């Protein structure tokens, strides 16, 4: 089942479950595991604490908006 961006926003938190210095609306650059940078993107929400997997809990308005990233992979603009 494909989830729309609007539906995802209804299911995620507007505040971070872990202190990371990010908030909804922040503009960020994402750096993947190979050091390649993408963006800028906007933080659209955060995973619920009980659902965090692999340290990934920040959602971005990217092509993969449904897949959270690690806060340490992001640089605020």
PDB file of N, CA and C in Angstrom:
ATOM      1  N   UNK A   1       0.835  -1.188   0.000  1.00  0.00           N
ATOM      2  CA  UNK A   1       0.000   0.000   0.000  1.00  0.00           C
ATOM      3  C   UNK A   1       0.873   1.243   0.000  1.00  0.00           C
ATOM      4  N   UNK A   2       0.568   2.175  -0.855  1.00  0.00           N
ATOM      5  CA  UNK A   2       1.310   3.419  -0.943  1.00  0.00           C
ATOM      6  C   UNK A   2       0.668   4.442  -0.018  1.00  0.00           C
ATOM      7  N   UNK A   3       1.495   5.117   0.778  1.00  0.00           N
ATOM      8  CA  UNK A   3       0.992   6.151   1.674  1.00  0.00           C
ATOM      9  C   UNK A   3       1.313   7.516   1.077  1.00  0.00           C
ATOM     10  N   UNK A   4       0.331   8.394   1.085  1.00  0.00           N
ATOM     11  CA  UNK A   4       0.545   9.737   0.548  1.00  0.00           C
ATOM     12  C   UNK A   4       1.255  10.594   1.589  1.00  0.00           C
ATOM     13  N   UNK A   5       1.856  11.654   1.128  1.00  0.00           N
ATOM     14  CA  UNK A   5       2.539  12.579   2.029  1.00  0.00           C
ATOM     15  C   UNK A   5       1.563  13.142   3.056  1.00  0.00           C
ATOM     16  N   UNK A   6       0.357  13.482   2.619  1.00  0.00           N
ATOM     17  CA  UNK A   6      -0.646  14.040   3.524  1.00  0.00           C
ATOM     18  C   UNK A   6      -1.030  13.025   4.609  1.00  0.00           C
ATOM     19  N   UNK A   7      -1.182  11.754   4.231  1.00  0.00           N
ATOM     20  CA  UNK A   7      -1.521  10.727   5.216  1.00  0.00           C
ATOM     21  C   UNK A   7      -0.369  10.482   6.187  1.00  0.00           C
ATOM     22  N   UNK A   8       0.856  10.495   5.676  1.00  0.00           N
ATOM     23  CA  UNK A   8       2.018  10.309   6.550  1.00  0.00           C
ATOM     24  C   UNK A   8       2.091  11.422   7.595  1.00  0.00           C
ATOM     25  N   UNK A   9       1.871  12.658   7.171  1.00  0.00           N
ATOM     26  CA  UNK A   9       1.943  13.789   8.107  1.00  0.00           C
ATOM     27  C   UNK A   9       0.947  13.643   9.260  1.00  0.00           C
ATOM     28  N   UNK A  10      -0.170  12.948   9.015  1.00  0.00           N
ATOM     29  CA  UNK A  10      -1.167  12.725  10.066  1.00  0.00           C
ATOM     30  C   UNK A  10      -0.694  11.688  11.088  1.00  0.00           C
ATOM     31  N   UNK A  11       0.273  10.839  10.686  1.00  0.00           N
ATOM     32  CA  UNK A  11       0.711   9.727  11.536  1.00  0.00           C
ATOM     33  C   UNK A  11       2.013   9.992  12.298  1.00  0.00           C
ATOM     34  N   UNK A  12       2.737  11.055  11.946  1.00  0.00           N
ATOM     35  CA  UNK A  12       4.032  11.299  12.576  1.00  0.00           C
ATOM     36  C   UNK A  12       3.942  12.470  13.551  1.00  0.00           C
ATOM     37  N   UNK A  13       4.949  12.585  14.399  1.00  0.00           N
ATOM     38  CA  UNK A  13       4.976  13.630  15.422  1.00  0.00           C
ATOM     39  C   UNK A  13       5.516  14.942  14.871  1.00  0.00           C
ATOM     40  N   UNK A  14       5.081  16.038  15.471  1.00  0.00           N
ATOM     41  CA  UNK A  14       5.583  17.357  15.086  1.00  0.00           C
ATOM     42  C   UNK A  14       6.777  17.774  15.934  1.00  0.00           C
ATOM     43  N   UNK A  15       7.069  17.014  16.986  1.00  0.00           N
ATOM     44  CA  UNK A  15       8.246  17.281  17.814  1.00  0.00           C
ATOM     45  C   UNK A  15       9.114  16.027  17.871  1.00  0.00           C
ATOM     46  N   UNK A  16      10.409  16.253  17.999  1.00  0.00           N
ATOM     47  CA  UNK A  16      11.357  15.139  18.008  1.00  0.00           C
ATOM     48  C   UNK A  16      11.296  14.361  19.321  1.00  0.00           C
ATOM     49  N   UNK A  17      11.323  13.033  19.259  1.00  0.00           N
ATOM     50  CA  UNK A  17      11.319  12.226  20.483  1.00  0.00           C
ATOM     51  C   UNK A  17      12.689  12.203  21.154  1.00  0.00           C
ATOM     52  N   UNK A  18      13.704  12.632  20.424  1.00  0.00           N
ATOM     53  CA  UNK A  18      15.091  12.676  20.910  1.00  0.00           C
ATOM     54  C   UNK A  18      15.621  14.070  20.622  1.00  0.00           C
ATOM     55  N   UNK A  19      16.325  14.670  21.578  1.00  0.00           N
ATOM     56  CA  UNK A  19      16.883  16.004  21.361  1.00  0.00           C
ATOM     57  C   UNK A  19      17.898  15.950  20.222  1.00  0.00           C
ATOM     58  N   UNK A  20      17.618  16.723  19.167  1.00  0.00           N
ATOM     59  CA  UNK A  20      18.505  16.698  17.998  1.00  0.00           C
ATOM     60  C   UNK A  20      18.724  18.084  17.410  1.00  0.00           C
ATOM     61  N   UNK A  21      18.074  19.093  17.956  1.00  0.00           N
ATOM     62  CA  UNK A  21      18.244  20.446  17.452  1.00  0.00           C
ATOM     63  C   UNK A  21      17.456  20.739  16.183  1.00  0.00           C
ATOM     64  N   UNK A  22      16.564  19.837  15.797  1.00  0.00           N
ATOM     65  CA  UNK A  22      15.759  20.028  14.586  1.00  0.00           C
ATOM     66  C   UNK A  22      14.293  20.213  14.951  1.00  0.00           C
ATOM     67  N   UNK A  23      13.593  20.961  14.092  1.00  0.00           N
ATOM     68  CA  UNK A  23      12.151  21.121  14.269  1.00  0.00           C
ATOM     69  C   UNK A  23      11.490  21.119  12.901  1.00  0.00           C
ATOM     70  N   UNK A  24      10.200  20.868  12.872  1.00  0.00           N
ATOM     71  CA  UNK A  24       9.448  20.873  11.624  1.00  0.00           C
ATOM     72  C   UNK A  24       9.632  22.235  10.961  1.00  0.00           C
ATOM     73  N   UNK A  25       9.907  22.200   9.659  1.00  0.00           N
ATOM     74  CA  UNK A  25      10.107  23.430   8.899  1.00  0.00           C
ATOM     75  C   UNK A  25      11.565  23.786   8.674  1.00  0.00           C
ATOM     76  N   UNK A  26      12.475  23.168   9.435  1.00  0.00           N
ATOM     77  CA  UNK A  26      13.906  23.441   9.237  1.00  0.00           C
ATOM     78  C   UNK A  26      14.336  22.987   7.848  1.00  0.00           C
ATOM     79  N   UNK A  27      15.182  23.775   7.204  1.00  0.00           N
ATOM     80  CA  UNK A  27      15.777  23.407   5.918  1.00  0.00           C
ATOM     81  C   UNK A  27      17.095  22.704   6.207  1.00  0.00           C
ATOM     82  N   UNK A  28      17.302  21.549   5.571  1.00  0.00           N
ATOM     83  CA  UNK A  28      18.486  20.730   5.847  1.00  0.00           C
ATOM     84  C   UNK A  28      19.090  20.173   4.561  1.00  0.00           C
ATOM     85  N   UNK A  29      20.359  19.811   4.659  1.00  0.00           N
ATOM     86  CA  UNK A  29      21.046  19.055   3.622  1.00  0.00           C
ATOM     87  C   UNK A  29      21.232  17.649   4.190  1.00  0.00           C
ATOM     88  N   UNK A  30      20.910  16.647   3.378  1.00  0.00           N
ATOM     89  CA  UNK A  30      21.045  15.246   3.771  1.00  0.00           C
ATOM     90  C   UNK A  30      22.320  14.681   3.148  1.00  0.00           C
ATOM     91  N   UNK A  31      23.127  13.984   3.978  1.00  0.00           N
ATOM     92  CA  UNK A  31      24.330  13.315   3.483  1.00  0.00           C
ATOM     93  C   UNK A  31      24.161  11.822   3.695  1.00  0.00           C
ATOM     94  N   UNK A  32      24.193  11.042   2.596  1.00  0.00           N
ATOM     95  CA  UNK A  32      23.978   9.597   2.705  1.00  0.00           C
ATOM     96  C   UNK A  32      25.218   8.888   3.238  1.00  0.00           C
ATOM     97  N   UNK A  33      25.141   7.584   3.371  1.00  0.00           N
ATOM     98  CA  UNK A  33      26.235   6.794   3.949  1.00  0.00           C
ATOM     99  C   UNK A  33      27.504   6.819   3.101  1.00  0.00           C
ATOM    100  N   UNK A  34      27.405   7.260   1.860  1.00  0.00           N
ATOM    101  CA  UNK A  34      28.558   7.328   0.968  1.00  0.00           C
ATOM    102  C   UNK A  34      29.131   8.741   0.878  1.00  0.00           C
ATOM    103  N   UNK A  35      28.567   9.663   1.668  1.00  0.00           N
ATOM    104  CA  UNK A  35      29.066  11.031   1.701  1.00  0.00           C
ATOM    105  C   UNK A  35      28.490  11.947   0.638  1.00  0.00           C
ATOM    106  N   UNK A  36      27.499  11.459  -0.119  1.00  0.00           N
ATOM    107  CA  UNK A  36      26.874  12.273  -1.157  1.00  0.00           C
ATOM    108  C   UNK A  36      25.793  13.143  -0.516  1.00  0.00           C
ATOM    109  N   UNK A  37      25.813  14.437  -0.838  1.00  0.00           N
ATOM    110  CA  UNK A  37      24.856  15.374  -0.252  1.00  0.00           C
ATOM    111  C   UNK A  37      23.694  15.626  -1.200  1.00  0.00           C
ATOM    112  N   UNK A  38      22.501  15.742  -0.613  1.00  0.00           N
ATOM    113  CA  UNK A  38      21.274  15.996  -1.348  1.00  0.00           C
ATOM    114  C   UNK A  38      20.500  17.112  -0.646  1.00  0.00           C
ATOM    115  N   UNK A  39      19.714  17.822  -1.399  1.00  0.00           N
ATOM    116  CA  UNK A  39      18.857  18.835  -0.791  1.00  0.00           C
ATOM    117  C   UNK A  39      18.990  20.168  -1.488  1.00  0.00           C
ATOM    118  N   UNK A  40      18.446  21.170  -0.863  1.00  0.00           N
ATOM    119  CA  UNK A  40      17.905  21.182   0.496  1.00  0.00           C
ATOM    120  C   UNK A  40      16.517  20.538   0.574  1.00  0.00           C
ATOM    121  N   UNK A  41      16.241  20.036   1.765  1.00  0.00           N
ATOM    122  CA  UNK A  41      14.939  19.470   2.087  1.00  0.00           C
ATOM    123  C   UNK A  41      14.378  20.185   3.304  1.00  0.00           C
ATOM    124  N   UNK A  42      13.115  19.917   3.581  1.00  0.00           N
ATOM    125  CA  UNK A  42      12.464  20.474   4.760  1.00  0.00           C
ATOM    126  C   UNK A  42      12.084  19.327   5.694  1.00  0.00           C
ATOM    127  N   UNK A  43      12.299  19.522   6.988  1.00  0.00           N
ATOM    128  CA  UNK A  43      11.863  18.536   7.989  1.00  0.00           C
ATOM    129  C   UNK A  43      10.339  18.616   8.058  1.00  0.00           C
ATOM    130  N   UNK A  44       9.682  17.457   7.859  1.00  0.00           N
ATOM    131  CA  UNK A  44       8.211  17.439   7.876  1.00  0.00           C
ATOM    132  C   UNK A  44       7.643  16.753   9.116  1.00  0.00           C
ATOM    133  N   UNK A  45       8.507  16.083   9.905  1.00  0.00           N
ATOM    134  CA  UNK A  45       8.021  15.429  11.114  1.00  0.00           C
ATOM    135  C   UNK A  45       9.021  14.430  11.656  1.00  0.00           C
ATOM    136  N   UNK A  46       8.592  13.740  12.712  1.00  0.00           N
ATOM    137  CA  UNK A  46       9.464  12.822  13.432  1.00  0.00           C
ATOM    138  C   UNK A  46       8.725  11.523  13.772  1.00  0.00           C
ATOM    139  N   UNK A  47       9.490  10.452  13.790  1.00  0.00           N
ATOM    140  CA  UNK A  47       8.953   9.146  14.165  1.00  0.00           C
ATOM    141  C   UNK A  47       8.572   9.162  15.643  1.00  0.00           C
ATOM    142  N   UNK A  48       7.596   8.359  15.995  1.00  0.00           N
ATOM    143  CA  UNK A  48       7.265   8.178  17.408  1.00  0.00           C
ATOM    144  C   UNK A  48       8.389   7.388  18.069  1.00  0.00           C
ATOM    145  N   UNK A  49       8.702   7.713  19.316  1.00  0.00           N
ATOM    146  CA  UNK A  49       9.845   7.102  20.010  1.00  0.00           C
ATOM    147  C   UNK A  49       9.808   5.579  19.951  1.00  0.00           C
ATOM    148  N   UNK A  50       8.637   4.994  20.148  1.00  0.00           N
ATOM    149  CA  UNK A  50       8.532   3.529  20.182  1.00  0.00           C
ATOM    150  C   UNK A  50       8.718   2.897  18.794  1.00  0.00           C
ATOM    151  N   UNK A  51       8.655   3.705  17.744  1.00  0.00           N
ATOM    152  CA  UNK A  51       8.786   3.182  16.380  1.00  0.00           C
ATOM    153  C   UNK A  51      10.158   3.432  15.747  1.00  0.00           C
ATOM    154  N   UNK A  52      11.081   4.041  16.486  1.00  0.00           N
ATOM    155  CA  UNK A  52      12.404   4.344  15.927  1.00  0.00           C
ATOM    156  C   UNK A  52      13.147   3.045  15.647  1.00  0.00           C
ATOM    157  N   UNK A  53      13.715   2.951  14.443  1.00  0.00           N
ATOM    158  CA  UNK A  53      14.460   1.766  14.039  1.00  0.00           C
ATOM    159  C   UNK A  53      15.787   2.199  13.415  1.00  0.00           C
ATOM    160  N   UNK A  54      16.880   1.676  13.919  1.00  0.00           N
ATOM    161  CA  UNK A  54      18.186   1.992  13.351  1.00  0.00           C
ATOM    162  C   UNK A  54      18.593   3.438  13.524  1.00  0.00           C
ATOM    163  N   UNK A  55      18.007   4.131  14.477  1.00  0.00           N
ATOM    164  CA  UNK A  55      18.344   5.525  14.712  1.00  0.00           C
ATOM    165  C   UNK A  55      17.705   6.500  13.735  1.00  0.00           C
ATOM    166  N   UNK A  56      16.841   6.015  12.871  1.00  0.00           N
ATOM    167  CA  UNK A  56      16.199   6.861  11.856  1.00  0.00           C
ATOM    168  C   UNK A  56      14.854   7.358  12.385  1.00  0.00           C
ATOM    169  N   UNK A  57      14.735   8.685  12.526  1.00  0.00           N
ATOM    170  CA  UNK A  57      13.473   9.206  13.055  1.00  0.00           C
ATOM    171  C   UNK A  57      13.062  10.560  12.482  1.00  0.00           C
ATOM    172  N   UNK A  58      13.821  11.099  11.528  1.00  0.00           N
ATOM    173  CA  UNK A  58      13.496  12.407  10.949  1.00  0.00           C
ATOM    174  C   UNK A  58      12.946  12.205   9.533  1.00  0.00           C
ATOM    175  N   UNK A  59      11.762  12.752   9.282  1.00  0.00           N
ATOM    176  CA  UNK A  59      11.150  12.662   7.956  1.00  0.00           C
ATOM    177  C   UNK A  59      11.390  13.964   7.187  1.00  0.00           C
ATOM    178  N   UNK A  60      11.719  13.818   5.902  1.00  0.00           N
ATOM    179  CA  UNK A  60      12.001  14.963   5.030  1.00  0.00           C
ATOM    180  C   UNK A  60      11.021  14.990   3.866  1.00  0.00           C
ATOM    181  N   UNK A  61      10.893  16.140   3.229  1.00  0.00           N
ATOM    182  CA  UNK A  61      10.041  16.259   2.038  1.00  0.00           C
ATOM    183  C   UNK A  61      10.821  15.849   0.789  1.00  0.00           C
ATOM    184  N   UNK A  62      11.409  14.685   0.825  1.00  0.00           N
ATOM    185  CA  UNK A  62      12.192  14.152  -0.298  1.00  0.00           C
ATOM    186  C   UNK A  62      11.334  13.179  -1.109  1.00  0.00           C
ATOM    187  N   UNK A  63      11.939  12.613  -2.155  1.00  0.00           N
ATOM    188  CA  UNK A  63      11.220  11.597  -2.939  1.00  0.00           C
ATOM    189  C   UNK A  63      10.850  10.388  -2.088  1.00  0.00           C
ATOM    190  N   UNK A  64      11.625  10.132  -1.045  1.00  0.00           N
ATOM    191  CA  UNK A  64      11.375   9.008  -0.124  1.00  0.00           C
ATOM    192  C   UNK A  64      10.849   9.538   1.210  1.00  0.00           C
ATOM    193  N   UNK A  65       9.864  10.413   1.153  1.00  0.00           N
ATOM    194  CA  UNK A  65       9.312  11.054   2.349  1.00  0.00           C
ATOM    195  C   UNK A  65       8.853  10.051   3.399  1.00  0.00           C
ATOM    196  N   UNK A  66       8.531   8.836   3.017  1.00  0.00           N
ATOM    197  CA  UNK A  66       8.009   7.798   3.905  1.00  0.00           C
ATOM    198  C   UNK A  66       9.120   7.077   4.667  1.00  0.00           C
ATOM    199  N   UNK A  67      10.389   7.358   4.352  1.00  0.00           N
ATOM    200  CA  UNK A  67      11.521   6.665   4.979  1.00  0.00           C
ATOM    201  C   UNK A  67      12.327   7.656   5.814  1.00  0.00           C
ATOM    202  N   UNK A  68      12.317   7.507   7.155  1.00  0.00           N
ATOM    203  CA  UNK A  68      13.032   8.464   7.996  1.00  0.00           C
ATOM    204  C   UNK A  68      14.544   8.315   7.885  1.00  0.00           C
ATOM    205  N   UNK A  69      15.259   9.408   8.204  1.00  0.00           N
ATOM    206  CA  UNK A  69      16.722   9.411   8.165  1.00  0.00           C
ATOM    207  C   UNK A  69      17.255   9.712   9.570  1.00  0.00           C
ATOM    208  N   UNK A  70      18.548   9.491   9.737  1.00  0.00           N
ATOM    209  CA  UNK A  70      19.206   9.774  11.014  1.00  0.00           C
ATOM    210  C   UNK A  70      19.486  11.270  11.130  1.00  0.00           C
ATOM    211  N   UNK A  71      19.303  11.805  12.317  1.00  0.00           N
ATOM    212  CA  UNK A  71      19.534  13.241  12.538  1.00  0.00           C
ATOM    213  C   UNK A  71      20.988  13.614  12.250  1.00  0.00           C
ATOM    214  N   UNK A  72      21.921  12.718  12.534  1.00  0.00           N
ATOM    215  CA  UNK A  72      23.341  13.029  12.306  1.00  0.00           C
ATOM    216  C   UNK A  72      23.712  13.087  10.824  1.00  0.00           C
ATOM    217  N   UNK A  73      22.800  12.672   9.952  1.00  0.00           N
ATOM    218  CA  UNK A  73      23.036  12.767   8.510  1.00  0.00           C
ATOM    219  C   UNK A  73      22.552  14.110   7.957  1.00  0.00           C
ATOM    220  N   UNK A  74      22.043  14.974   8.817  1.00  0.00           N
ATOM    221  CA  UNK A  74      21.466  16.237   8.381  1.00  0.00           C
ATOM    222  C   UNK A  74      22.276  17.441   8.883  1.00  0.00           C
ATOM    223  N   UNK A  75      22.383  18.441   8.017  1.00  0.00           N
ATOM    224  CA  UNK A  75      23.030  19.704   8.369  1.00  0.00           C
ATOM    225  C   UNK A  75      22.008  20.803   8.132  1.00  0.00           C
ATOM    226  N   UNK A  76      21.742  21.604   9.181  1.00  0.00           N
ATOM    227  CA  UNK A  76      20.802  22.711   9.030  1.00  0.00           C
ATOM    228  C   UNK A  76      21.401  23.765   8.115  1.00  0.00           C
ATOM    229  N   UNK A  77      20.542  24.396   7.329  1.00  0.00           N
ATOM    230  CA  UNK A  77      20.995  25.481   6.446  1.00  0.00           C
ATOM    231  C   UNK A  77      20.829  26.803   7.129  1.00  0.00           C
TER     232      UNK A  77
END
